[in-house]
PDB file of N, CA and C in Angstrom:
ATOM      1  N   MET A   1      12.178  76.052  81.554  1.00  0.00           N
ATOM      2  CA  MET A   1      13.549  75.873  81.142  1.00  0.00           C
ATOM      3  C   MET A   1      14.126  77.216  80.703  1.00  0.00           C
ATOM      4  N   LYS A   2      15.417  77.410  80.934  1.00  0.00           N
ATOM      5  CA  LYS A   2      16.104  78.593  80.438  1.00  0.00           C
ATOM      6  C   LYS A   2      17.549  78.233  80.124  1.00  0.00           C
ATOM      7  N   LEU A   3      18.158  79.036  79.311  1.00  0.00           N
ATOM      8  CA  LEU A   3      19.565  78.833  78.988  1.00  0.00           C
ATOM      9  C   LEU A   3      20.399  79.521  80.062  1.00  0.00           C
ATOM     10  N   ASN A   4      21.553  78.943  80.390  1.00  0.00           N
ATOM     11  CA  ASN A   4      22.377  79.483  81.466  1.00  0.00           C
ATOM     12  C   ASN A   4      23.602  80.232  80.957  1.00  0.00           C
ATOM     13  N   VAL A   5      24.455  79.562  80.219  1.00  0.00           N
ATOM     14  CA  VAL A   5      25.681  80.167  79.696  1.00  0.00           C
ATOM     15  C   VAL A   5      25.993  79.527  78.350  1.00  0.00           C
ATOM     16  N   ILE A   6      26.857  80.160  77.586  1.00  0.00           N
ATOM     17  CA  ILE A   6      27.357  79.534  76.366  1.00  0.00           C
ATOM     18  C   ILE A   6      28.378  78.489  76.794  1.00  0.00           C
ATOM     19  N   HIS A   7      28.187  77.255  76.373  1.00  0.00           N
ATOM     20  CA  HIS A   7      29.076  76.165  76.765  1.00  0.00           C
ATOM     21  C   HIS A   7      30.398  76.228  76.005  1.00  0.00           C
ATOM     22  N   HIS A   8      30.311  76.406  74.673  1.00  0.00           N
ATOM     23  CA  HIS A   8      31.529  76.487  73.878  1.00  0.00           C
ATOM     24  C   HIS A   8      31.249  77.167  72.551  1.00  0.00           C
ATOM     25  N   VAL A   9      32.310  77.547  71.903  1.00  0.00           N
ATOM     26  CA  VAL A   9      32.275  78.075  70.545  1.00  0.00           C
ATOM     27  C   VAL A   9      33.121  77.128  69.714  1.00  0.00           C
ATOM     28  N   ALA A  10      32.678  76.815  68.504  1.00  0.00           N
ATOM     29  CA  ALA A  10      33.413  75.892  67.640  1.00  0.00           C
ATOM     30  C   ALA A  10      33.873  76.621  66.382  1.00  0.00           C
ATOM     31  N   ILE A  11      35.107  76.316  65.979  1.00  0.00           N
ATOM     32  CA  ILE A  11      35.635  76.861  64.737  1.00  0.00           C
ATOM     33  C   ILE A  11      36.267  75.738  63.923  1.00  0.00           C
ATOM     34  N   ILE A  12      36.293  75.928  62.610  1.00  0.00           N
ATOM     35  CA  ILE A  12      36.951  74.996  61.699  1.00  0.00           C
ATOM     36  C   ILE A  12      38.233  75.663  61.230  1.00  0.00           C
ATOM     37  N   VAL A  13      39.329  74.917  61.258  1.00  0.00           N
ATOM     38  CA  VAL A  13      40.633  75.465  60.868  1.00  0.00           C
ATOM     39  C   VAL A  13      41.175  74.697  59.668  1.00  0.00           C
ATOM     40  N   SER A  14      42.029  75.372  58.902  1.00  0.00           N
ATOM     41  CA  SER A  14      42.575  74.736  57.700  1.00  0.00           C
ATOM     42  C   SER A  14      43.840  73.932  57.988  1.00  0.00           C
ATOM     43  N   ASP A  15      44.608  74.354  58.976  1.00  0.00           N
ATOM     44  CA  ASP A  15      45.867  73.677  59.319  1.00  0.00           C
ATOM     45  C   ASP A  15      45.815  73.357  60.814  1.00  0.00           C
ATOM     46  N   TYR A  16      45.483  72.106  61.116  1.00  0.00           N
ATOM     47  CA  TYR A  16      45.266  71.700  62.509  1.00  0.00           C
ATOM     48  C   TYR A  16      46.476  71.967  63.389  1.00  0.00           C
ATOM     49  N   GLU A  17      47.658  71.546  62.953  1.00  0.00           N
ATOM     50  CA  GLU A  17      48.866  71.702  63.773  1.00  0.00           C
ATOM     51  C   GLU A  17      49.191  73.171  64.029  1.00  0.00           C
ATOM     52  N   LYS A  18      49.081  73.995  63.009  1.00  0.00           N
ATOM     53  CA  LYS A  18      49.370  75.423  63.143  1.00  0.00           C
ATOM     54  C   LYS A  18      48.372  76.080  64.116  1.00  0.00           C
ATOM     55  N   SER A  19      47.101  75.716  64.001  1.00  0.00           N
ATOM     56  CA  SER A  19      46.082  76.281  64.888  1.00  0.00           C
ATOM     57  C   SER A  19      46.233  75.759  66.315  1.00  0.00           C
ATOM     58  N   ARG A  20      46.592  74.486  66.453  1.00  0.00           N
ATOM     59  CA  ARG A  20      46.829  73.928  67.790  1.00  0.00           C
ATOM     60  C   ARG A  20      47.970  74.676  68.466  1.00  0.00           C
ATOM     61  N   GLU A  21      49.055  74.895  67.760  1.00  0.00           N
ATOM     62  CA  GLU A  21      50.184  75.633  68.318  1.00  0.00           C
ATOM     63  C   GLU A  21      49.762  77.053  68.715  1.00  0.00           C
ATOM     64  N   PHE A  22      48.984  77.712  67.875  1.00  0.00           N
ATOM     65  CA  PHE A  22      48.550  79.082  68.135  1.00  0.00           C
ATOM     66  C   PHE A  22      47.700  79.157  69.405  1.00  0.00           C
ATOM     67  N   TYR A  23      46.652  78.347  69.488  1.00  0.00           N
ATOM     68  CA  TYR A  23      45.722  78.434  70.619  1.00  0.00           C
ATOM     69  C   TYR A  23      46.283  77.829  71.908  1.00  0.00           C
ATOM     70  N   VAL A  24      47.052  76.747  71.807  1.00  0.00           N
ATOM     71  CA  VAL A  24      47.570  76.073  72.999  1.00  0.00           C
ATOM     72  C   VAL A  24      48.921  76.646  73.417  1.00  0.00           C
ATOM     73  N   ASP A  25      49.896  76.592  72.522  1.00  0.00           N
ATOM     74  CA  ASP A  25      51.256  76.992  72.882  1.00  0.00           C
ATOM     75  C   ASP A  25      51.424  78.503  73.003  1.00  0.00           C
ATOM     76  N   LYS A  26      50.748  79.268  72.174  1.00  0.00           N
ATOM     77  CA  LYS A  26      50.902  80.718  72.231  1.00  0.00           C
ATOM     78  C   LYS A  26      49.883  81.386  73.154  1.00  0.00           C
ATOM     79  N   LEU A  27      48.582  81.121  72.922  1.00  0.00           N
ATOM     80  CA  LEU A  27      47.561  81.805  73.717  1.00  0.00           C
ATOM     81  C   LEU A  27      47.321  81.150  75.076  1.00  0.00           C
ATOM     82  N   GLY A  28      47.764  79.919  75.271  1.00  0.00           N
ATOM     83  CA  GLY A  28      47.686  79.282  76.577  1.00  0.00           C
ATOM     84  C   GLY A  28      46.398  78.560  76.907  1.00  0.00           C
ATOM     85  N   PHE A  29      45.614  78.182  75.901  1.00  0.00           N
ATOM     86  CA  PHE A  29      44.417  77.385  76.174  1.00  0.00           C
ATOM     87  C   PHE A  29      44.837  76.020  76.696  1.00  0.00           C
ATOM     88  N   GLU A  30      44.063  75.470  77.598  1.00  0.00           N
ATOM     89  CA  GLU A  30      44.301  74.139  78.163  1.00  0.00           C
ATOM     90  C   GLU A  30      43.594  73.093  77.306  1.00  0.00           C
ATOM     91  N   VAL A  31      44.271  71.991  77.004  1.00  0.00           N
ATOM     92  CA  VAL A  31      43.665  70.911  76.228  1.00  0.00           C
ATOM     93  C   VAL A  31      42.792  70.068  77.152  1.00  0.00           C
ATOM     94  N   ILE A  32      41.527  69.943  76.804  1.00  0.00           N
ATOM     95  CA  ILE A  32      40.595  69.079  77.536  1.00  0.00           C
ATOM     96  C   ILE A  32      40.663  67.673  76.946  1.00  0.00           C
ATOM     97  N   ARG A  33      40.531  67.614  75.621  1.00  0.00           N
ATOM     98  CA  ARG A  33      40.653  66.329  74.912  1.00  0.00           C
ATOM     99  C   ARG A  33      41.006  66.616  73.463  1.00  0.00           C
ATOM    100  N   GLU A  34      41.648  65.633  72.867  1.00  0.00           N
ATOM    101  CA  GLU A  34      42.097  65.757  71.479  1.00  0.00           C
ATOM    102  C   GLU A  34      41.921  64.398  70.836  1.00  0.00           C
ATOM    103  N   VAL A  35      41.162  64.348  69.749  1.00  0.00           N
ATOM    104  CA  VAL A  35      40.917  63.066  69.087  1.00  0.00           C
ATOM    105  C   VAL A  35      41.008  63.219  67.575  1.00  0.00           C
ATOM    106  N   TYR A  36      41.507  62.171  66.955  1.00  0.00           N
ATOM    107  CA  TYR A  36      41.427  62.080  65.504  1.00  0.00           C
ATOM    108  C   TYR A  36      40.219  61.208  65.201  1.00  0.00           C
ATOM    109  N   ARG A  37      39.282  61.758  64.447  1.00  0.00           N
ATOM    110  CA  ARG A  37      38.058  61.025  64.117  1.00  0.00           C
ATOM    111  C   ARG A  37      38.256  60.381  62.746  1.00  0.00           C
ATOM    112  N   GLU A  38      38.662  59.122  62.785  1.00  0.00           N
ATOM    113  CA  GLU A  38      39.008  58.407  61.561  1.00  0.00           C
ATOM    114  C   GLU A  38      37.844  58.341  60.583  1.00  0.00           C
ATOM    115  N   GLU A  39      36.638  58.141  61.096  1.00  0.00           N
ATOM    116  CA  GLU A  39      35.471  58.028  60.217  1.00  0.00           C
ATOM    117  C   GLU A  39      35.191  59.321  59.447  1.00  0.00           C
ATOM    118  N   ARG A  40      35.646  60.443  59.988  1.00  0.00           N
ATOM    119  CA  ARG A  40      35.448  61.742  59.324  1.00  0.00           C
ATOM    120  C   ARG A  40      36.738  62.292  58.714  1.00  0.00           C
ATOM    121  N   GLY A  41      37.853  61.695  59.097  1.00  0.00           N
ATOM    122  CA  GLY A  41      39.136  62.157  58.583  1.00  0.00           C
ATOM    123  C   GLY A  41      39.512  63.538  59.094  1.00  0.00           C
ATOM    124  N   ASP A  42      39.115  63.849  60.337  1.00  0.00           N
ATOM    125  CA  ASP A  42      39.446  65.163  60.885  1.00  0.00           C
ATOM    126  C   ASP A  42      39.867  65.063  62.348  1.00  0.00           C
ATOM    127  N   TYR A  43      40.392  66.162  62.848  1.00  0.00           N
ATOM    128  CA  TYR A  43      40.763  66.271  64.257  1.00  0.00           C
ATOM    129  C   TYR A  43      39.730  67.098  64.985  1.00  0.00           C
ATOM    130  N   LYS A  44      39.505  66.755  66.254  1.00  0.00           N
ATOM    131  CA  LYS A  44      38.625  67.524  67.137  1.00  0.00           C
ATOM    132  C   LYS A  44      39.434  67.817  68.397  1.00  0.00           C
ATOM    133  N   LEU A  45      39.580  69.102  68.684  1.00  0.00           N
ATOM    134  CA  LEU A  45      40.373  69.546  69.819  1.00  0.00           C
ATOM    135  C   LEU A  45      39.497  70.407  70.715  1.00  0.00           C
ATOM    136  N   ASP A  46      39.269  69.963  71.949  1.00  0.00           N
ATOM    137  CA  ASP A  46      38.483  70.722  72.915  1.00  0.00           C
ATOM    138  C   ASP A  46      39.439  71.443  73.853  1.00  0.00           C
ATOM    139  N   LEU A  47      39.289  72.765  73.914  1.00  0.00           N
ATOM    140  CA  LEU A  47      40.179  73.611  74.697  1.00  0.00           C
ATOM    141  C   LEU A  47      39.397  74.376  75.750  1.00  0.00           C
ATOM    142  N   LYS A  48      40.131  74.839  76.768  1.00  0.00           N
ATOM    143  CA  LYS A  48      39.501  75.594  77.842  1.00  0.00           C
ATOM    144  C   LYS A  48      40.370  76.797  78.185  1.00  0.00           C
ATOM    145  N   LEU A  49      39.716  77.933  78.391  1.00  0.00           N
ATOM    146  CA  LEU A  49      40.352  79.143  78.881  1.00  0.00           C
ATOM    147  C   LEU A  49      39.467  79.662  80.004  1.00  0.00           C
ATOM    148  N   ASN A  50      39.890  79.428  81.238  1.00  0.00           N
ATOM    149  CA  ASN A  50      39.066  79.736  82.406  1.00  0.00           C
ATOM    150  C   ASN A  50      37.731  79.012  82.285  1.00  0.00           C
ATOM    151  N   ASP A  51      36.602  79.722  82.225  1.00  0.00           N
ATOM    152  CA  ASP A  51      35.288  79.072  82.178  1.00  0.00           C
ATOM    153  C   ASP A  51      34.747  78.916  80.763  1.00  0.00           C
ATOM    154  N   CYS A  52      35.544  79.231  79.770  1.00  0.00           N
ATOM    155  CA  CYS A  52      35.082  79.188  78.378  1.00  0.00           C
ATOM    156  C   CYS A  52      35.760  78.044  77.633  1.00  0.00           C
ATOM    157  N   GLU A  53      35.001  77.362  76.789  1.00  0.00           N
ATOM    158  CA  GLU A  53      35.560  76.290  75.984  1.00  0.00           C
ATOM    159  C   GLU A  53      35.538  76.664  74.507  1.00  0.00           C
ATOM    160  N   LEU A  54      36.568  76.235  73.811  1.00  0.00           N
ATOM    161  CA  LEU A  54      36.696  76.434  72.376  1.00  0.00           C
ATOM    162  C   LEU A  54      36.896  75.068  71.746  1.00  0.00           C
ATOM    163  N   GLU A  55      36.098  74.768  70.743  1.00  0.00           N
ATOM    164  CA  GLU A  55      36.159  73.484  70.061  1.00  0.00           C
ATOM    165  C   GLU A  55      36.745  73.741  68.676  1.00  0.00           C
ATOM    166  N   ILE A  56      37.846  73.083  68.359  1.00  0.00           N
ATOM    167  CA  ILE A  56      38.513  73.279  67.081  1.00  0.00           C
ATOM    168  C   ILE A  56      38.402  71.997  66.268  1.00  0.00           C
ATOM    169  N   PHE A  57      37.971  72.161  65.025  1.00  0.00           N
ATOM    170  CA  PHE A  57      37.900  71.044  64.088  1.00  0.00           C
ATOM    171  C   PHE A  57      38.910  71.296  62.984  1.00  0.00           C
ATOM    172  N   GLY A  58      39.825  70.369  62.797  1.00  0.00           N
ATOM    173  CA  GLY A  58      40.787  70.447  61.707  1.00  0.00           C
ATOM    174  C   GLY A  58      40.285  69.623  60.550  1.00  0.00           C
ATOM    175  N   ILE A  59      39.660  70.296  59.596  1.00  0.00           N
ATOM    176  CA  ILE A  59      39.046  69.610  58.463  1.00  0.00           C
ATOM    177  C   ILE A  59      39.759  70.044  57.185  1.00  0.00           C
ATOM    178  N   ALA A  60      40.464  69.117  56.573  1.00  0.00           N
ATOM    179  CA  ALA A  60      41.207  69.427  55.346  1.00  0.00           C
ATOM    180  C   ALA A  60      40.241  69.776  54.218  1.00  0.00           C
ATOM    181  N   GLY A  61      40.618  70.765  53.420  1.00  0.00           N
ATOM    182  CA  GLY A  61      39.827  71.122  52.248  1.00  0.00           C
ATOM    183  C   GLY A  61      38.607  71.972  52.526  1.00  0.00           C
ATOM    184  N   SER A  62      38.473  72.497  53.738  1.00  0.00           N
ATOM    185  CA  SER A  62      37.325  73.356  54.040  1.00  0.00           C
ATOM    186  C   SER A  62      37.437  74.653  53.251  1.00  0.00           C
ATOM    187  N   PRO A  63      36.321  75.179  52.757  1.00  0.00           N
ATOM    188  CA  PRO A  63      36.395  76.444  52.030  1.00  0.00           C
ATOM    189  C   PRO A  63      36.819  77.579  52.963  1.00  0.00           C
ATOM    190  N   GLU A  64      37.534  78.542  52.411  1.00  0.00           N
ATOM    191  CA  GLU A  64      38.022  79.676  53.179  1.00  0.00           C
ATOM    192  C   GLU A  64      36.864  80.564  53.611  1.00  0.00           C
ATOM    193  N   ARG A  65      36.943  81.085  54.838  1.00  0.00           N
ATOM    194  CA  ARG A  65      35.944  82.016  55.358  1.00  0.00           C
ATOM    195  C   ARG A  65      36.321  83.418  54.912  1.00  0.00           C
ATOM    196  N   LEU A  66      35.359  84.141  54.401  1.00  0.00           N
ATOM    197  CA  LEU A  66      35.618  85.519  54.001  1.00  0.00           C
ATOM    198  C   LEU A  66      35.586  86.442  55.211  1.00  0.00           C
ATOM    199  N   SER A  67      36.596  87.290  55.333  1.00  0.00           N
ATOM    200  CA  SER A  67      36.608  88.298  56.386  1.00  0.00           C
ATOM    201  C   SER A  67      36.449  89.700  55.809  1.00  0.00           C
ATOM    202  N   TYR A  68      36.903  89.887  54.581  1.00  0.00           N
ATOM    203  CA  TYR A  68      36.821  91.215  53.952  1.00  0.00           C
ATOM    204  C   TYR A  68      36.370  91.054  52.517  1.00  0.00           C
ATOM    205  N   PRO A  69      35.098  91.183  52.170  1.00  0.00           N
ATOM    206  CA  PRO A  69      34.018  91.593  53.063  1.00  0.00           C
ATOM    207  C   PRO A  69      33.618  90.453  53.995  1.00  0.00           C
ATOM    208  N   GLU A  70      33.022  90.818  55.116  1.00  0.00           N
ATOM    209  CA  GLU A  70      32.654  89.819  56.110  1.00  0.00           C
ATOM    210  C   GLU A  70      31.522  88.932  55.608  1.00  0.00           C
ATOM    211  N   ALA A  71      31.643  87.640  55.922  1.00  0.00           N
ATOM    212  CA  ALA A  71      30.625  86.660  55.564  1.00  0.00           C
ATOM    213  C   ALA A  71      29.687  86.454  56.750  1.00  0.00           C
ATOM    214  N   CYS A  72      28.507  85.928  56.483  1.00  0.00           N
ATOM    215  CA  CYS A  72      27.579  85.596  57.571  1.00  0.00           C
ATOM    216  C   CYS A  72      28.196  84.495  58.421  1.00  0.00           C
ATOM    217  N   GLY A  73      27.833  84.474  59.664  1.00  0.00           N
ATOM    218  CA  GLY A  73      28.365  83.475  60.587  1.00  0.00           C
ATOM    219  C   GLY A  73      29.176  84.135  61.682  1.00  0.00           C
ATOM    220  N   LEU A  74      30.059  83.382  62.286  1.00  0.00           N
ATOM    221  CA  LEU A  74      30.883  83.886  63.374  1.00  0.00           C
ATOM    222  C   LEU A  74      31.675  85.103  62.911  1.00  0.00           C
ATOM    223  N   ARG A  75      31.569  86.208  63.634  1.00  0.00           N
ATOM    224  CA  ARG A  75      32.283  87.424  63.254  1.00  0.00           C
ATOM    225  C   ARG A  75      33.664  87.460  63.873  1.00  0.00           C
ATOM    226  N   HIS A  76      33.751  87.231  65.181  1.00  0.00           N
ATOM    227  CA  HIS A  76      35.044  87.182  65.852  1.00  0.00           C
ATOM    228  C   HIS A  76      34.872  86.599  67.243  1.00  0.00           C
ATOM    229  N   LEU A  77      35.991  86.228  67.857  1.00  0.00           N
ATOM    230  CA  LEU A  77      36.030  85.853  69.266  1.00  0.00           C
ATOM    231  C   LEU A  77      36.651  87.019  69.997  1.00  0.00           C
ATOM    232  N   ALA A  78      36.148  87.345  71.171  1.00  0.00           N
ATOM    233  CA  ALA A  78      36.679  88.470  71.943  1.00  0.00           C
ATOM    234  C   ALA A  78      37.178  87.979  73.293  1.00  0.00           C
ATOM    235  N   PHE A  79      38.346  88.493  73.686  1.00  0.00           N
ATOM    236  CA  PHE A  79      38.957  88.165  74.966  1.00  0.00           C
ATOM    237  C   PHE A  79      39.007  89.426  75.810  1.00  0.00           C
ATOM    238  N   TRP A  80      38.599  89.326  77.063  1.00  0.00           N
ATOM    239  CA  TRP A  80      38.678  90.445  77.987  1.00  0.00           C
ATOM    240  C   TRP A  80      40.041  90.420  78.667  1.00  0.00           C
ATOM    241  N   THR A  81      40.623  91.589  78.827  1.00  0.00           N
ATOM    242  CA  THR A  81      41.892  91.720  79.526  1.00  0.00           C
ATOM    243  C   THR A  81      41.833  92.935  80.437  1.00  0.00           C
ATOM    244  N   GLU A  82      42.516  92.857  81.571  1.00  0.00           N
ATOM    245  CA  GLU A  82      42.567  93.999  82.484  1.00  0.00           C
ATOM    246  C   GLU A  82      43.496  95.085  81.974  1.00  0.00           C
ATOM    247  N   ASP A  83      44.540  94.695  81.219  1.00  0.00           N
ATOM    248  CA  ASP A  83      45.557  95.645  80.762  1.00  0.00           C
ATOM    249  C   ASP A  83      45.855  95.372  79.291  1.00  0.00           C
ATOM    250  N   ILE A  84      45.253  96.162  78.425  1.00  0.00           N
ATOM    251  CA  ILE A  84      45.384  95.922  76.987  1.00  0.00           C
ATOM    252  C   ILE A  84      46.815  96.114  76.503  1.00  0.00           C
ATOM    253  N   GLU A  85      47.538  97.081  77.071  1.00  0.00           N
ATOM    254  CA  GLU A  85      48.926  97.310  76.656  1.00  0.00           C
ATOM    255  C   GLU A  85      49.801  96.100  76.994  1.00  0.00           C
ATOM    256  N   GLU A  86      49.608  95.548  78.177  1.00  0.00           N
ATOM    257  CA  GLU A  86      50.362  94.357  78.583  1.00  0.00           C
ATOM    258  C   GLU A  86      50.022  93.176  77.681  1.00  0.00           C
ATOM    259  N   ALA A  87      48.739  93.014  77.352  1.00  0.00           N
ATOM    260  CA  ALA A  87      48.311  91.916  76.489  1.00  0.00           C
ATOM    261  C   ALA A  87      48.895  92.071  75.081  1.00  0.00           C
ATOM    262  N   ILE A  88      48.936  93.293  74.576  1.00  0.00           N
ATOM    263  CA  ILE A  88      49.509  93.546  73.248  1.00  0.00           C
ATOM    264  C   ILE A  88      51.000  93.232  73.253  1.00  0.00           C
ATOM    265  N   THR A  89      51.699  93.662  74.272  1.00  0.00           N
ATOM    266  CA  THR A  89      53.135  93.381  74.384  1.00  0.00           C
ATOM    267  C   THR A  89      53.382  91.881  74.408  1.00  0.00           C
ATOM    268  N   TRP A  90      52.575  91.164  75.159  1.00  0.00           N
ATOM    269  CA  TRP A  90      52.690  89.704  75.242  1.00  0.00           C
ATOM    270  C   TRP A  90      52.446  89.060  73.879  1.00  0.00           C
ATOM    271  N   LEU A  91      51.361  89.454  73.184  1.00  0.00           N
ATOM    272  CA  LEU A  91      51.063  88.899  71.872  1.00  0.00           C
ATOM    273  C   LEU A  91      52.206  89.177  70.888  1.00  0.00           C
ATOM    274  N   GLN A  92      52.694  90.406  70.894  1.00  0.00           N
ATOM    275  CA  GLN A  92      53.771  90.773  69.975  1.00  0.00           C
ATOM    276  C   GLN A  92      55.060  90.006  70.284  1.00  0.00           C
ATOM    277  N   SER A  93      55.284  89.677  71.559  1.00  0.00           N
ATOM    278  CA  SER A  93      56.464  88.877  71.911  1.00  0.00           C
ATOM    279  C   SER A  93      56.370  87.457  71.356  1.00  0.00           C
ATOM    280  N   LEU A  94      55.148  87.027  71.041  1.00  0.00           N
ATOM    281  CA  LEU A  94      54.904  85.708  70.454  1.00  0.00           C
ATOM    282  C   LEU A  94      54.894  85.767  68.926  1.00  0.00           C
ATOM    283  N   GLY A  95      55.150  86.961  68.380  1.00  0.00           N
ATOM    284  CA  GLY A  95      55.142  87.132  66.927  1.00  0.00           C
ATOM    285  C   GLY A  95      53.755  87.348  66.354  1.00  0.00           C
ATOM    286  N   ILE A  96      52.805  87.716  67.191  1.00  0.00           N
ATOM    287  CA  ILE A  96      51.426  87.939  66.751  1.00  0.00           C
ATOM    288  C   ILE A  96      51.203  89.441  66.597  1.00  0.00           C
ATOM    289  N   GLU A  97      50.891  89.862  65.382  1.00  0.00           N
ATOM    290  CA  GLU A  97      50.657  91.280  65.112  1.00  0.00           C
ATOM    291  C   GLU A  97      49.279  91.699  65.626  1.00  0.00           C
ATOM    292  N   THR A  98      49.199  92.940  66.081  1.00  0.00           N
ATOM    293  CA  THR A  98      47.927  93.495  66.528  1.00  0.00           C
ATOM    294  C   THR A  98      47.657  94.791  65.769  1.00  0.00           C
ATOM    295  N   GLU A  99      46.389  95.116  65.663  1.00  0.00           N
ATOM    296  CA  GLU A  99      45.991  96.382  65.053  1.00  0.00           C
ATOM    297  C   GLU A  99      46.181  97.501  66.077  1.00  0.00           C
ATOM    298  N   PRO A 100      46.154  98.756  65.639  1.00  0.00           N
ATOM    299  CA  PRO A 100      46.229  99.863  66.602  1.00  0.00           C
ATOM    300  C   PRO A 100      45.052  99.821  67.583  1.00  0.00           C
ATOM    301  N   VAL A 101      45.300 100.251  68.803  1.00  0.00           N
ATOM    302  CA  VAL A 101      44.255 100.304  69.818  1.00  0.00           C
ATOM    303  C   VAL A 101      43.274 101.414  69.456  1.00  0.00           C
ATOM    304  N   ARG A 102      42.000 101.132  69.654  1.00  0.00           N
ATOM    305  CA  ARG A 102      40.972 102.157  69.445  1.00  0.00           C
ATOM    306  C   ARG A 102      39.942 102.065  70.558  1.00  0.00           C
ATOM    307  N   MET A 103      39.098 103.051  70.644  1.00  0.00           N
ATOM    308  CA  MET A 103      38.075 103.115  71.681  1.00  0.00           C
ATOM    309  C   MET A 103      36.766 102.548  71.130  1.00  0.00           C
ATOM    310  N   ASP A 104      36.164 101.622  71.876  1.00  0.00           N
ATOM    311  CA  ASP A 104      34.842 101.117  71.508  1.00  0.00           C
ATOM    312  C   ASP A 104      33.846 102.228  71.818  1.00  0.00           C
ATOM    313  N   PRO A 105      33.143 102.751  70.804  1.00  0.00           N
ATOM    314  CA  PRO A 105      32.253 103.898  71.038  1.00  0.00           C
ATOM    315  C   PRO A 105      31.033 103.582  71.898  1.00  0.00           C
ATOM    316  N   TYR A 106      30.728 102.300  72.100  1.00  0.00           N
ATOM    317  CA  TYR A 106      29.538 101.939  72.866  1.00  0.00           C
ATOM    318  C   TYR A 106      29.852 101.617  74.320  1.00  0.00           C
ATOM    319  N   THR A 107      31.041 101.064  74.574  1.00  0.00           N
ATOM    320  CA  THR A 107      31.416 100.713  75.948  1.00  0.00           C
ATOM    321  C   THR A 107      32.419 101.694  76.538  1.00  0.00           C
ATOM    322  N   ASN A 108      33.007 102.538  75.674  1.00  0.00           N
ATOM    323  CA  ASN A 108      34.073 103.458  76.086  1.00  0.00           C
ATOM    324  C   ASN A 108      35.266 102.709  76.679  1.00  0.00           C
ATOM    325  N   LYS A 109      35.522 101.521  76.162  1.00  0.00           N
ATOM    326  CA  LYS A 109      36.665 100.709  76.573  1.00  0.00           C
ATOM    327  C   LYS A 109      37.615 100.572  75.388  1.00  0.00           C
ATOM    328  N   ARG A 110      38.897 100.389  75.697  1.00  0.00           N
ATOM    329  CA  ARG A 110      39.880 100.217  74.636  1.00  0.00           C
ATOM    330  C   ARG A 110      39.820  98.801  74.080  1.00  0.00           C
ATOM    331  N   MET A 111      40.113  98.693  72.785  1.00  0.00           N
ATOM    332  CA  MET A 111      40.037  97.405  72.110  1.00  0.00           C
ATOM    333  C   MET A 111      41.013  97.384  70.942  1.00  0.00           C
ATOM    334  N   THR A 112      41.362  96.191  70.513  1.00  0.00           N
ATOM    335  CA  THR A 112      42.155  95.985  69.313  1.00  0.00           C
ATOM    336  C   THR A 112      41.862  94.592  68.785  1.00  0.00           C
ATOM    337  N   PHE A 113      42.377  94.309  67.600  1.00  0.00           N
ATOM    338  CA  PHE A 113      42.179  92.993  66.990  1.00  0.00           C
ATOM    339  C   PHE A 113      43.518  92.379  66.616  1.00  0.00           C
ATOM    340  N   PHE A 114      43.541  91.056  66.611  1.00  0.00           N
ATOM    341  CA  PHE A 114      44.628  90.273  66.043  1.00  0.00           C
ATOM    342  C   PHE A 114      43.954  89.102  65.341  1.00  0.00           C
ATOM    343  N   HIS A 115      44.710  88.229  64.689  1.00  0.00           N
ATOM    344  CA  HIS A 115      44.099  87.166  63.896  1.00  0.00           C
ATOM    345  C   HIS A 115      44.748  85.818  64.173  1.00  0.00           C
ATOM    346  N   ASP A 116      43.937  84.763  64.046  1.00  0.00           N
ATOM    347  CA  ASP A 116      44.483  83.412  64.187  1.00  0.00           C
ATOM    348  C   ASP A 116      45.105  82.993  62.849  1.00  0.00           C
ATOM    349  N   PRO A 117      45.693  81.799  62.751  1.00  0.00           N
ATOM    350  CA  PRO A 117      46.366  81.399  61.513  1.00  0.00           C
ATOM    351  C   PRO A 117      45.477  81.387  60.268  1.00  0.00           C
ATOM    352  N   ASP A 118      44.157  81.267  60.446  1.00  0.00           N
ATOM    353  CA  ASP A 118      43.240  81.290  59.304  1.00  0.00           C
ATOM    354  C   ASP A 118      42.676  82.683  59.037  1.00  0.00           C
ATOM    355  N   GLY A 119      43.143  83.675  59.777  1.00  0.00           N
ATOM    356  CA  GLY A 119      42.640  85.031  59.578  1.00  0.00           C
ATOM    357  C   GLY A 119      41.376  85.340  60.354  1.00  0.00           C
ATOM    358  N   LEU A 120      40.926  84.430  61.235  1.00  0.00           N
ATOM    359  CA  LEU A 120      39.740  84.707  62.054  1.00  0.00           C
ATOM    360  C   LEU A 120      40.062  85.871  62.983  1.00  0.00           C
ATOM    361  N   PRO A 121      39.254  86.931  62.947  1.00  0.00           N
ATOM    362  CA  PRO A 121      39.514  88.065  63.827  1.00  0.00           C
ATOM    363  C   PRO A 121      39.330  87.677  65.297  1.00  0.00           C
ATOM    364  N   LEU A 122      40.295  88.072  66.116  1.00  0.00           N
ATOM    365  CA  LEU A 122      40.250  87.868  67.555  1.00  0.00           C
ATOM    366  C   LEU A 122      40.405  89.255  68.191  1.00  0.00           C
ATOM    367  N   GLU A 123      39.526  89.571  69.116  1.00  0.00           N
ATOM    368  CA  GLU A 123      39.502  90.899  69.727  1.00  0.00           C
ATOM    369  C   GLU A 123      40.055  90.854  71.143  1.00  0.00           C
ATOM    370  N   LEU A 124      40.784  91.890  71.495  1.00  0.00           N
ATOM    371  CA  LEU A 124      41.140  92.167  72.894  1.00  0.00           C
ATOM    372  C   LEU A 124      40.285  93.320  73.336  1.00  0.00           C
ATOM    373  N   HIS A 125      39.600  93.167  74.438  1.00  0.00           N
ATOM    374  CA  HIS A 125      38.715  94.213  74.962  1.00  0.00           C
ATOM    375  C   HIS A 125      39.051  94.450  76.412  1.00  0.00           C
ATOM    376  N   GLU A 126      39.290  95.699  76.775  1.00  0.00           N
ATOM    377  CA  GLU A 126      39.697  96.039  78.133  1.00  0.00           C
ATOM    378  C   GLU A 126      38.488  96.376  79.006  1.00  0.00           C
TER     379      GLU A 126
END
């Protein structure tokens, strides 16, 4: 047996509607399924971006994730783009702020970060 690919990444969000709007309406993820789990009192939203899936759980009262200083666990999600300047312009047109572009010293590719509504770092990598 061997592992083939990562099937999905899951994140917990504090404001389900705000995060749904961000990932679906702004970033363009496709909704696979969306359910309210009454027994748990939360929402589960399965999204797709090309061959990658993102699972979002809207759980009220979840403790805040520390980003500065960084906490153990998921560090960030990274998106590959062919044209980082075009991607930055697009994000900024949606009202999403981005950090200055910098060079990744290990890949020699340009990169920058932006954040989701909960402050989760999201990377653009060219």
